[in-house]
Structures are given as structure tokens and as C-alpha cells.
Amino acid sequence: MKVLGIRVDPKRTRYALVDYDGTNCTLLNADAESRLLYPANVSEPDGKVDWLYREMERVFHENQDIEKVCIKTNEYTQSDSKSKRESAYLEGAVLLFCRQKHLPVTVKIYASLGTRSADVKNHAEQRVGRTASYWDNKMADAVIAAWNGART
């Protein structure tokens, strides 16, 4: 089963393609594209939502056997920022895309992923693996989300 893990951000969206054979998970895009950088001329939220939706179309066209999607969402607090609100809009684009394609999608926070921000990179590496380049917490979030989606 192929699962897509997503972690959106106002500057870039990270995604992990994980294959689960019932026992082991393999990070399929460890050496390939794993980040979607918003073009410099797309700075407003509505433009980013449109651009991300089109990128989701491309990713799914290239990976037509994706069966599930899991989004790692922000940990919301009383002091939410403009950045978190914009991330929520972008998550909406992913949710809409999945809904229109009849793909099961879940939205998770660290507690439901069995990790926390300080440990996510280590947990992702231990459970699935890491990307060869641009390895950071956001990418680890996408990997853990895909790992979790594959197992549930």
C-alpha cells in the first residue's frame, strides 16, 4: 500500500511517499522530490492554494497507486500566528483534492502520531528512513504521517 504523508507550510510543502507491505515501511522518495516550493511570484494565500492543488494533481498523476493520505497539522495554541492560519488554508487544498479523488485522508497532531516535535526526526529515521537532502522536522513530520497512515 502506498501512502502519502503531507506537512504544509506557507513557504513549502513537504511530502513523503511510503510503501507498506504489511510489515515494513519504505520511503519511496528518499532520493527524489520531497518538497514543493511555492514560486516567488505566488505570495498570496489564494494563489498558494491554487498552486498547491495543481501540484497535488501532478504528484497523484505520477503516483496513481496512492491509497491513503495523512496530513500532519499544526499544534494550535491560543497564540496562533498568521503562518499557522495560512497553513490551514493550504491543508484545505489538500483535503479538497483528496475528497474530490475519493481518497481517504486523516489529519493528525503529534499526540496521535506517537511522537513529539523534539523526537520526530529520530522517530522518522528509525521507523521509515530519511531523505538524502533537505532533511528537517517538517519532512520528518511528513514521513511520520505517512508511516502512521500506512499502519492504520
Protein backbone atom coordinates (compact mmCIF):
# COMPACT_ATOMS: atom_id res chain seq x y z
CA MET A 1 0.00 0.00 0.00
CA LYS A 2 1.33 3.42 -0.92
CA VAL A 3 0.58 6.28 1.50
CA LEU A 4 1.25 9.99 1.10
CA GLY A 5 2.28 11.96 4.19
CA ILE A 6 1.92 15.74 3.96
CA ARG A 7 3.22 18.66 6.03
CA VAL A 8 2.27 22.08 4.70
CA ASP A 9 3.96 25.37 5.44
CA PRO A 10 3.49 28.83 3.93
CA LYS A 11 6.93 28.59 2.25
CA ARG A 12 6.96 24.95 1.16
CA THR A 13 5.02 21.74 1.43
CA ARG A 14 6.88 18.55 2.28
CA TYR A 15 5.61 15.15 1.29
CA ALA A 16 6.62 11.55 1.88
CA LEU A 17 5.64 8.59 -0.25
CA VAL A 18 5.74 5.46 1.87
CA ASP A 19 5.14 1.90 0.75
CA TYR A 20 3.88 -0.52 3.40
CA ASP A 21 4.00 -4.26 2.72
CA GLY A 22 2.17 -5.26 5.89
CA THR A 23 5.40 -5.46 7.89
CA ASN A 24 7.91 -2.86 6.72
CA CYS A 25 7.69 0.71 5.51
CA THR A 26 9.91 2.06 2.74
CA LEU A 27 10.40 5.76 1.98
CA LEU A 28 9.97 5.78 -1.80
CA ASN A 29 11.04 9.38 -2.37
CA ALA A 30 14.12 9.33 -0.13
CA ASP A 31 16.32 10.29 -3.10
CA ALA A 32 13.66 12.10 -5.16
CA GLU A 33 11.45 15.16 -4.90
CA SER A 34 10.03 15.69 -1.41
CA ARG A 35 9.39 19.42 -1.23
CA LEU A 36 7.13 21.72 -3.14
CA LEU A 37 8.46 25.28 -3.04
CA TYR A 38 5.89 27.95 -3.80
CA PRO A 39 7.00 30.12 -6.73
CA ALA A 40 8.33 33.57 -5.83
CA ASN A 41 5.53 35.26 -7.77
CA VAL A 42 2.85 33.40 -5.75
CA SER A 43 2.69 35.18 -2.41
CA GLU A 44 -0.99 35.48 -1.53
CA PRO A 45 -2.84 32.62 0.20
CA ASP A 46 -5.36 32.14 -2.61
CA GLY A 47 -2.57 31.81 -5.17
CA LYS A 48 -0.71 29.32 -2.98
CA VAL A 49 -3.87 27.25 -2.50
CA ASP A 50 -4.40 27.09 -6.26
CA TRP A 51 -0.74 26.26 -6.91
CA LEU A 52 -0.67 23.53 -4.25
CA TYR A 53 -3.87 21.97 -5.57
CA ARG A 54 -2.29 21.74 -9.04
CA GLU A 55 0.88 20.24 -7.56
CA MET A 56 -1.25 17.62 -5.79
CA GLU A 57 -2.74 16.77 -9.18
CA ARG A 58 0.77 16.31 -10.59
CA VAL A 59 2.02 14.20 -7.66
CA PHE A 60 -1.04 11.95 -7.88
CA HIS A 61 -0.73 11.67 -11.65
CA GLU A 62 2.85 10.46 -11.16
CA ASN A 63 1.80 8.11 -8.30
CA GLN A 64 -1.61 6.80 -9.23
CA ASP A 65 -1.40 3.93 -6.75
CA ILE A 66 -1.59 6.14 -3.63
CA GLU A 67 -4.30 4.65 -1.43
CA LYS A 68 -4.29 6.94 1.62
CA VAL A 69 -3.20 10.40 2.70
CA CYS A 70 -2.24 11.59 6.18
CA ILE A 71 -1.62 15.27 6.97
CA LYS A 72 0.46 16.36 9.97
CA THR A 73 -1.29 19.53 11.06
CA ASN A 74 -0.09 22.36 13.28
CA GLU A 75 -0.29 22.17 17.03
CA TYR A 76 -2.75 25.00 17.67
CA THR A 77 -2.48 27.22 20.74
CA GLN A 78 -4.00 30.46 21.99
CA SER A 79 -1.21 32.43 20.31
CA ASP A 80 -1.70 31.20 16.75
CA SER A 81 0.12 33.13 14.09
CA LYS A 82 -0.60 34.28 10.55
CA SER A 83 1.69 31.49 9.37
CA LYS A 84 -0.46 28.84 11.07
CA ARG A 85 -3.63 30.30 9.58
CA GLU A 86 -2.10 30.24 6.11
CA SER A 87 -1.02 26.63 6.66
CA ALA A 88 -4.64 25.79 7.49
CA TYR A 89 -5.77 27.24 4.15
CA LEU A 90 -3.19 25.11 2.37
CA GLU A 91 -4.27 21.99 4.24
CA GLY A 92 -7.76 22.78 2.96
CA ALA A 93 -6.48 22.49 -0.62
CA VAL A 94 -5.08 19.03 0.14
CA LEU A 95 -8.31 17.98 1.87
CA LEU A 96 -10.42 19.19 -1.05
CA PHE A 97 -8.21 17.40 -3.56
CA CYS A 98 -8.44 14.14 -1.61
CA ARG A 99 -12.19 14.46 -1.23
CA GLN A 100 -12.66 15.01 -4.95
CA LYS A 101 -10.47 11.97 -5.73
CA HIS A 102 -12.29 9.81 -3.14
CA LEU A 103 -9.05 9.20 -1.25
CA PRO A 104 -9.19 8.50 2.49
CA VAL A 105 -7.42 11.29 4.37
CA THR A 106 -6.68 11.82 8.05
CA VAL A 107 -5.35 14.86 9.88
CA LYS A 108 -3.08 14.21 12.86
CA ILE A 109 -1.16 16.04 15.57
CA TYR A 110 1.95 14.76 17.34
CA ALA A 111 -0.01 13.05 20.13
CA SER A 112 -1.94 10.92 17.63
CA LEU A 113 1.27 10.17 15.69
CA GLY A 114 3.07 8.79 18.73
CA THR A 115 5.85 11.37 18.76
CA ARG A 116 6.64 14.98 19.58
CA SER A 117 8.47 17.79 17.84
CA ALA A 118 11.75 17.18 19.68
CA ASP A 119 11.76 13.49 18.68
CA VAL A 120 10.15 13.45 15.25
CA LYS A 121 13.37 13.32 13.20
CA ASN A 122 14.74 10.42 15.22
CA HIS A 123 11.42 8.55 15.16
CA ALA A 124 11.03 9.01 11.40
CA GLU A 125 14.55 7.73 10.74
CA GLN A 126 14.03 4.69 12.98
CA ARG A 127 10.59 3.77 11.65
CA VAL A 128 10.91 4.53 7.94
CA GLY A 129 14.05 6.39 6.92
CA ARG A 130 15.10 9.85 5.86
CA THR A 131 15.57 11.85 2.71
CA ALA A 132 19.03 12.24 1.24
CA SER A 133 18.67 16.02 1.12
CA TYR A 134 16.62 18.75 2.81
CA TRP A 135 16.07 16.59 5.91
CA ASP A 136 14.31 18.69 8.55
CA ASN A 137 11.48 18.48 11.08
CA LYS A 138 8.81 19.27 8.50
CA MET A 139 9.97 16.41 6.28
CA ALA A 140 10.13 14.12 9.31
CA ASP A 141 6.53 15.15 10.07
CA ALA A 142 5.50 14.04 6.57
CA VAL A 143 7.34 10.72 6.98
CA ILE A 144 5.75 10.02 10.37
CA ALA A 145 2.34 10.97 9.00
CA ALA A 146 2.73 8.51 6.09
CA TRP A 147 4.03 5.83 8.47
CA ASN A 148 1.03 6.32 10.73
CA GLY A 149 -1.39 6.36 7.81
CA ALA A 150 0.04 3.11 6.48
CA ARG A 151 -0.42 1.32 9.79
CA THR A 152 -3.98 2.45 10.50
